Amino acid sequence: MDKLPVEELVNKLHNVLAEKRYLVVLDDIWGMEVWDSLKYAFPKRKLGSKILLTTRIWEVALHADGHSHPHQLRPLNQDESFALLRSKAFPGASVIPSEFEDLAKEIVVKCEGLPLAVVVIG
């Protein structure tokens, strides 16, 4: 399939969603211009539709909806990170094998509480 221009994709999505109730998740939006190019795809009818936008950039969240109250997630603590790493690297294990424990602790520290980093490494 050939790539369509963003404007054409936005129009097509708008037409599909026009009379529908929808939940759209936009994950990891990095710039205000990205939201600005996508926002017209979502009809403004009051049908109970919702858009969930995730971003690491506070200003992007505020730009997307200046009347909202963005929720800022906290990083995982060391224990949570360690448990997540264990569940990904050693599924079904209740503990990390002792020969990997020091390495696992180093990994957890370097991931700085970011769940995605832990999952990717795990």
Protein backbone atom coordinates (compact mmCIF):
# COMPACT_ATOMS: atom_id res chain seq x y z
CA MET A 1 0.00 0.00 0.00
CA ASP A 2 1.32 3.42 -0.90
CA LYS A 3 1.81 5.95 1.85
CA LEU A 4 -0.96 8.48 2.12
CA PRO A 5 -0.30 12.08 3.08
CA VAL A 6 -1.08 12.82 6.74
CA GLU A 7 -3.92 15.14 5.78
CA GLU A 8 -5.61 12.41 3.77
CA LEU A 9 -5.22 9.90 6.60
CA VAL A 10 -6.68 12.40 9.06
CA ASN A 11 -9.68 12.95 6.79
CA LYS A 12 -10.25 9.22 6.34
CA LEU A 13 -10.08 8.59 10.09
CA HIS A 14 -12.43 11.50 10.76
CA ASN A 15 -14.97 10.05 8.32
CA VAL A 16 -14.74 6.60 9.91
CA LEU A 17 -15.22 7.99 13.43
CA ALA A 18 -17.84 10.61 12.52
CA GLU A 19 -20.90 8.92 14.02
CA LYS A 20 -19.19 6.48 16.34
CA ARG A 21 -18.28 6.36 19.98
CA TYR A 22 -14.58 5.59 20.26
CA LEU A 23 -11.59 5.24 22.53
CA VAL A 24 -8.30 6.09 20.87
CA VAL A 25 -4.93 5.64 22.56
CA LEU A 26 -2.08 7.75 21.22
CA ASP A 27 1.06 6.45 22.84
CA ASP A 28 4.31 8.34 23.32
CA ILE A 29 3.55 11.61 21.55
CA TRP A 30 6.81 13.57 21.42
CA GLY A 31 5.80 16.91 19.98
CA MET A 32 3.00 19.43 19.91
CA GLU A 33 3.08 19.39 16.12
CA VAL A 34 2.23 15.68 16.14
CA TRP A 35 -0.92 16.32 18.15
CA ASP A 36 -1.72 19.35 16.01
CA SER A 37 -1.62 17.21 12.87
CA LEU A 38 -3.77 14.44 14.38
CA LYS A 39 -6.40 16.29 16.41
CA TYR A 40 -8.62 17.02 13.42
CA ALA A 41 -9.13 13.29 12.90
CA PHE A 42 -11.32 13.13 16.00
CA PRO A 43 -14.86 14.47 15.61
CA LYS A 44 -16.01 16.81 18.37
CA ARG A 45 -19.48 15.34 18.71
CA LYS A 46 -20.56 14.62 22.27
CA LEU A 47 -20.97 10.85 21.93
CA GLY A 48 -18.86 9.95 24.96
CA SER A 49 -15.72 9.31 22.95
CA LYS A 50 -12.33 9.61 24.62
CA ILE A 51 -8.74 10.08 23.57
CA LEU A 52 -5.95 8.89 25.85
CA LEU A 53 -2.63 10.48 25.03
CA THR A 54 0.64 9.46 26.61
CA THR A 55 3.76 11.58 26.49
CA ARG A 56 6.93 12.11 28.47
CA ILE A 57 6.69 15.84 27.84
CA TRP A 58 4.46 17.79 30.21
CA GLU A 59 4.02 20.67 27.77
CA VAL A 60 2.68 18.29 25.11
CA ALA A 61 0.03 17.01 27.52
CA LEU A 62 -1.04 20.53 28.40
CA HIS A 63 -1.03 21.57 24.74
CA ALA A 64 -3.31 18.68 23.77
CA ASP A 65 -5.91 19.80 26.30
CA GLY A 66 -5.26 22.90 28.34
CA HIS A 67 -8.32 22.20 30.51
CA SER A 68 -7.27 18.71 31.55
CA HIS A 69 -5.25 17.67 34.55
CA PRO A 70 -2.52 15.39 33.21
CA HIS A 71 -1.55 12.47 35.37
CA GLN A 72 2.18 12.11 35.84
CA LEU A 73 3.35 8.57 36.50
CA ARG A 74 6.12 8.01 38.96
CA PRO A 75 9.12 5.83 38.15
CA LEU A 76 9.19 2.34 39.62
CA ASN A 77 11.13 1.94 42.83
CA GLN A 78 14.00 -0.56 43.06
CA ASP A 79 11.82 -3.39 44.39
CA GLU A 80 9.16 -2.88 41.71
CA SER A 81 11.81 -2.73 38.99
CA PHE A 82 13.48 -5.86 40.32
CA ALA A 83 10.16 -7.75 40.41
CA LEU A 84 9.35 -6.64 36.86
CA LEU A 85 12.78 -7.70 35.62
CA ARG A 86 12.40 -11.08 37.33
CA SER A 87 8.98 -11.64 35.75
CA LYS A 88 10.30 -10.82 32.27
CA ALA A 89 13.74 -12.44 32.40
CA PHE A 90 12.69 -15.51 34.40
CA PRO A 91 8.96 -16.08 33.82
CA GLY A 92 7.40 -18.26 36.48
CA ALA A 93 10.40 -17.99 38.82
CA SER A 94 9.81 -16.66 42.31
CA VAL A 95 13.42 -15.46 42.60
CA ILE A 96 16.23 -14.51 40.26
CA PRO A 97 18.88 -17.23 40.20
CA SER A 98 21.72 -16.25 42.51
CA GLU A 99 24.30 -16.19 39.70
CA PHE A 100 22.30 -13.38 38.02
CA GLU A 101 21.30 -11.40 41.10
CA ASP A 102 24.16 -8.86 41.05
CA LEU A 103 23.71 -8.28 37.32
CA ALA A 104 19.96 -7.85 37.81
CA LYS A 105 20.58 -5.22 40.50
CA GLU A 106 22.90 -3.31 38.16
CA ILE A 107 20.33 -3.45 35.38
CA VAL A 108 17.60 -2.16 37.68
CA VAL A 109 19.75 0.81 38.72
CA LYS A 110 20.59 1.67 35.10
CA CYS A 111 16.93 1.51 34.06
CA GLU A 112 16.17 4.36 36.50
CA GLY A 113 12.65 3.15 37.26
CA LEU A 114 11.47 3.19 33.64
CA PRO A 115 9.23 0.15 33.10
CA LEU A 116 9.79 0.06 29.35
CA ALA A 117 13.56 -0.11 29.83
CA VAL A 118 13.18 -2.98 32.30
CA VAL A 119 10.82 -4.89 29.99
CA VAL A 120 13.03 -4.43 26.92
CA ILE A 121 16.10 -5.68 28.76
CA GLY A 122 14.20 -8.47 30.50
